[in-house]
Amino acid sequence: MIQPSNASEEVGISVFCRSESGEVFHTYSCYSRGVDMLNGAYHFLDLVPKGRDEDDLDYPMAWLRRHDQY
């Protein structure tokens, strides 16, 4: 599998919790497909016949283009 050229820009979510004494704990992280639940558009794409149509792509979400990469 080919990875995106800049892996540091892959989507991910982390959750932290601060205790009453001020300690910070890393309580949860997810990356890649684990973040899909936060983007409602993916739910609709997954219902259509071709889905996200990623079978022939180099890596998942290769269809994504940021506004400054056209």
N, C-alpha and C. Protein backbone atom coordinates (compact mmCIF):
# COMPACT_ATOMS: atom_id res chain seq x y z
N MET A 1 0.84 -1.17 0.00
CA MET A 1 0.00 0.00 0.00
C MET A 1 0.89 1.24 0.00
N ILE A 2 0.57 2.19 -0.85
CA ILE A 2 1.31 3.45 -0.91
C ILE A 2 0.69 4.43 0.07
N GLN A 3 1.50 5.09 0.84
CA GLN A 3 1.02 6.06 1.83
C GLN A 3 1.08 7.47 1.27
N PRO A 4 0.27 8.38 1.80
CA PRO A 4 0.35 9.77 1.35
C PRO A 4 1.76 10.31 1.56
N SER A 5 2.15 11.27 0.74
CA SER A 5 3.51 11.78 0.80
C SER A 5 3.83 12.49 2.10
N ASN A 6 2.84 13.09 2.74
CA ASN A 6 3.09 13.79 3.99
C ASN A 6 2.22 13.18 5.08
N ALA A 7 2.69 12.10 5.68
CA ALA A 7 1.91 11.37 6.68
C ALA A 7 1.59 12.22 7.89
N SER A 8 2.34 13.28 8.15
CA SER A 8 2.07 14.11 9.32
C SER A 8 0.76 14.87 9.17
N GLU A 9 0.18 14.91 7.96
CA GLU A 9 -1.07 15.61 7.76
C GLU A 9 -2.27 14.67 7.73
N GLU A 10 -2.09 13.41 8.07
CA GLU A 10 -3.22 12.50 8.12
C GLU A 10 -4.14 12.89 9.26
N VAL A 11 -5.42 12.62 9.06
CA VAL A 11 -6.42 13.01 10.05
C VAL A 11 -6.32 12.11 11.29
N GLY A 12 -6.55 12.70 12.43
CA GLY A 12 -6.53 11.97 13.69
C GLY A 12 -7.18 12.79 14.78
N ILE A 13 -7.62 12.11 15.82
CA ILE A 13 -8.26 12.78 16.95
C ILE A 13 -7.67 12.21 18.23
N SER A 14 -7.37 13.10 19.16
CA SER A 14 -6.91 12.68 20.48
C SER A 14 -7.76 13.38 21.53
N VAL A 15 -7.95 12.70 22.65
CA VAL A 15 -8.72 13.26 23.76
C VAL A 15 -7.82 13.26 24.99
N PHE A 16 -7.86 14.36 25.71
CA PHE A 16 -7.06 14.51 26.92
C PHE A 16 -7.96 14.88 28.08
N CYS A 17 -7.53 14.56 29.28
CA CYS A 17 -8.29 14.88 30.49
C CYS A 17 -7.32 15.44 31.53
N ARG A 18 -7.71 16.55 32.16
CA ARG A 18 -6.88 17.13 33.20
C ARG A 18 -7.49 16.80 34.57
N SER A 19 -6.68 16.26 35.46
CA SER A 19 -7.16 15.93 36.80
C SER A 19 -7.23 17.20 37.65
N GLU A 20 -7.84 17.10 38.80
CA GLU A 20 -7.96 18.25 39.70
C GLU A 20 -6.59 18.76 40.15
N SER A 21 -5.59 17.88 40.16
CA SER A 21 -4.24 18.29 40.57
C SER A 21 -3.45 18.90 39.41
N GLY A 22 -4.03 18.92 38.21
CA GLY A 22 -3.36 19.52 37.07
C GLY A 22 -2.66 18.55 36.14
N GLU A 23 -2.65 17.26 36.49
CA GLU A 23 -2.04 16.27 35.60
C GLU A 23 -2.89 16.11 34.34
N VAL A 24 -2.24 15.93 33.21
CA VAL A 24 -2.95 15.75 31.94
C VAL A 24 -2.74 14.31 31.48
N PHE A 25 -3.83 13.66 31.15
CA PHE A 25 -3.80 12.27 30.71
C PHE A 25 -4.31 12.17 29.27
N HIS A 26 -3.60 11.41 28.47
CA HIS A 26 -4.03 11.11 27.11
C HIS A 26 -4.95 9.91 27.22
N THR A 27 -6.25 10.12 26.98
CA THR A 27 -7.23 9.07 27.24
C THR A 27 -7.71 8.32 26.00
N TYR A 28 -7.54 8.91 24.80
CA TYR A 28 -8.06 8.25 23.61
C TYR A 28 -7.43 8.85 22.36
N SER A 29 -7.17 8.02 21.36
CA SER A 29 -6.73 8.47 20.04
C SER A 29 -7.29 7.55 18.98
N CYS A 30 -7.60 8.10 17.82
CA CYS A 30 -7.95 7.28 16.68
C CYS A 30 -7.50 8.02 15.42
N TYR A 31 -7.24 7.24 14.38
CA TYR A 31 -6.71 7.79 13.13
C TYR A 31 -7.39 7.10 11.96
N SER A 32 -7.23 7.67 10.79
CA SER A 32 -7.71 7.10 9.55
C SER A 32 -9.21 6.84 9.61
N ARG A 33 -9.65 5.63 9.37
CA ARG A 33 -11.07 5.32 9.32
C ARG A 33 -11.76 5.48 10.68
N GLY A 34 -11.04 5.51 11.75
CA GLY A 34 -11.65 5.68 13.06
C GLY A 34 -12.29 7.04 13.26
N VAL A 35 -11.93 8.01 12.42
CA VAL A 35 -12.45 9.36 12.53
C VAL A 35 -13.69 9.55 11.67
N ASP A 36 -14.04 8.56 10.86
CA ASP A 36 -15.17 8.69 9.94
C ASP A 36 -16.47 9.07 10.61
N MET A 37 -16.68 8.64 11.83
CA MET A 37 -17.96 8.92 12.50
C MET A 37 -18.19 10.42 12.68
N LEU A 38 -17.15 11.23 12.60
CA LEU A 38 -17.29 12.67 12.78
C LEU A 38 -17.62 13.42 11.50
N ASN A 39 -17.55 12.76 10.36
CA ASN A 39 -17.85 13.39 9.08
C ASN A 39 -19.10 12.74 8.51
N GLY A 40 -20.22 13.43 8.62
CA GLY A 40 -21.50 12.89 8.17
C GLY A 40 -21.55 12.54 6.70
N ALA A 41 -20.74 13.21 5.86
CA ALA A 41 -20.74 12.91 4.42
C ALA A 41 -20.34 11.47 4.16
N TYR A 42 -19.46 10.91 4.96
CA TYR A 42 -19.04 9.52 4.77
C TYR A 42 -20.20 8.55 4.96
N HIS A 43 -21.10 8.87 5.86
CA HIS A 43 -22.25 8.00 6.10
C HIS A 43 -23.11 7.89 4.83
N PHE A 44 -23.29 9.01 4.13
CA PHE A 44 -24.06 8.99 2.89
C PHE A 44 -23.30 8.29 1.77
N LEU A 45 -22.01 8.55 1.65
CA LEU A 45 -21.21 7.89 0.62
C LEU A 45 -21.23 6.38 0.79
N ASP A 46 -21.22 5.92 2.03
CA ASP A 46 -21.21 4.48 2.28
C ASP A 46 -22.54 3.80 1.93
N LEU A 47 -23.59 4.59 1.69
CA LEU A 47 -24.90 4.03 1.33
C LEU A 47 -25.08 3.86 -0.18
N VAL A 48 -24.33 4.58 -0.98
CA VAL A 48 -24.52 4.53 -2.43
C VAL A 48 -23.81 3.33 -3.03
N PRO A 49 -24.24 2.90 -4.23
CA PRO A 49 -23.69 1.66 -4.81
C PRO A 49 -22.16 1.59 -4.90
N LYS A 50 -21.50 2.65 -5.29
CA LYS A 50 -20.04 2.60 -5.42
C LYS A 50 -19.34 3.06 -4.15
N GLY A 51 -20.09 3.46 -3.13
CA GLY A 51 -19.48 3.89 -1.88
C GLY A 51 -18.51 5.03 -2.10
N ARG A 52 -17.36 4.93 -1.52
CA ARG A 52 -16.33 5.97 -1.68
C ARG A 52 -15.50 5.75 -2.93
N ASP A 53 -15.75 4.64 -3.62
CA ASP A 53 -15.09 4.32 -4.89
C ASP A 53 -13.57 4.41 -4.77
N GLU A 54 -13.02 3.75 -3.76
CA GLU A 54 -11.58 3.82 -3.50
C GLU A 54 -10.80 2.58 -3.93
N ASP A 55 -11.46 1.62 -4.55
CA ASP A 55 -10.80 0.35 -4.87
C ASP A 55 -9.56 0.50 -5.74
N ASP A 56 -9.58 1.43 -6.69
CA ASP A 56 -8.46 1.58 -7.61
C ASP A 56 -7.49 2.69 -7.20
N LEU A 57 -7.64 3.23 -6.02
CA LEU A 57 -6.77 4.32 -5.58
C LEU A 57 -5.49 3.78 -4.93
N ASP A 58 -4.46 4.60 -4.89
CA ASP A 58 -3.19 4.18 -4.29
C ASP A 58 -3.30 3.97 -2.79
N TYR A 59 -4.15 4.75 -2.14
CA TYR A 59 -4.37 4.63 -0.69
C TYR A 59 -5.76 5.18 -0.39
N PRO A 60 -6.38 4.79 0.73
CA PRO A 60 -7.71 5.30 1.06
C PRO A 60 -7.71 6.83 1.12
N MET A 61 -8.78 7.40 0.67
CA MET A 61 -8.99 8.85 0.65
C MET A 61 -8.04 9.58 -0.28
N ALA A 62 -7.49 8.90 -1.27
CA ALA A 62 -6.63 9.57 -2.25
C ALA A 62 -7.43 10.57 -3.08
N TRP A 63 -8.74 10.47 -3.07
CA TRP A 63 -9.61 11.39 -3.80
C TRP A 63 -9.68 12.76 -3.13
N LEU A 64 -9.32 12.84 -1.87
CA LEU A 64 -9.39 14.10 -1.12
C LEU A 64 -8.36 15.09 -1.63
N ARG A 65 -8.78 16.32 -1.85
CA ARG A 65 -7.88 17.41 -2.25
C ARG A 65 -8.13 18.61 -1.35
N ARG A 66 -7.09 19.11 -0.75
CA ARG A 66 -7.23 20.32 0.06
C ARG A 66 -7.37 21.51 -0.89
N HIS A 67 -7.96 22.58 -0.43
CA HIS A 67 -8.27 23.72 -1.30
C HIS A 67 -7.04 24.31 -1.96
N ASP A 68 -5.85 24.12 -1.43
CA ASP A 68 -4.65 24.71 -2.01
C ASP A 68 -3.81 23.69 -2.78
N GLN A 69 -4.35 22.53 -3.10
CA GLN A 69 -3.59 21.50 -3.81
C GLN A 69 -4.11 21.22 -5.22
N TYR A 70 -4.89 22.08 -5.79
CA TYR A 70 -5.45 21.83 -7.13
C TYR A 70 -4.51 22.28 -8.21
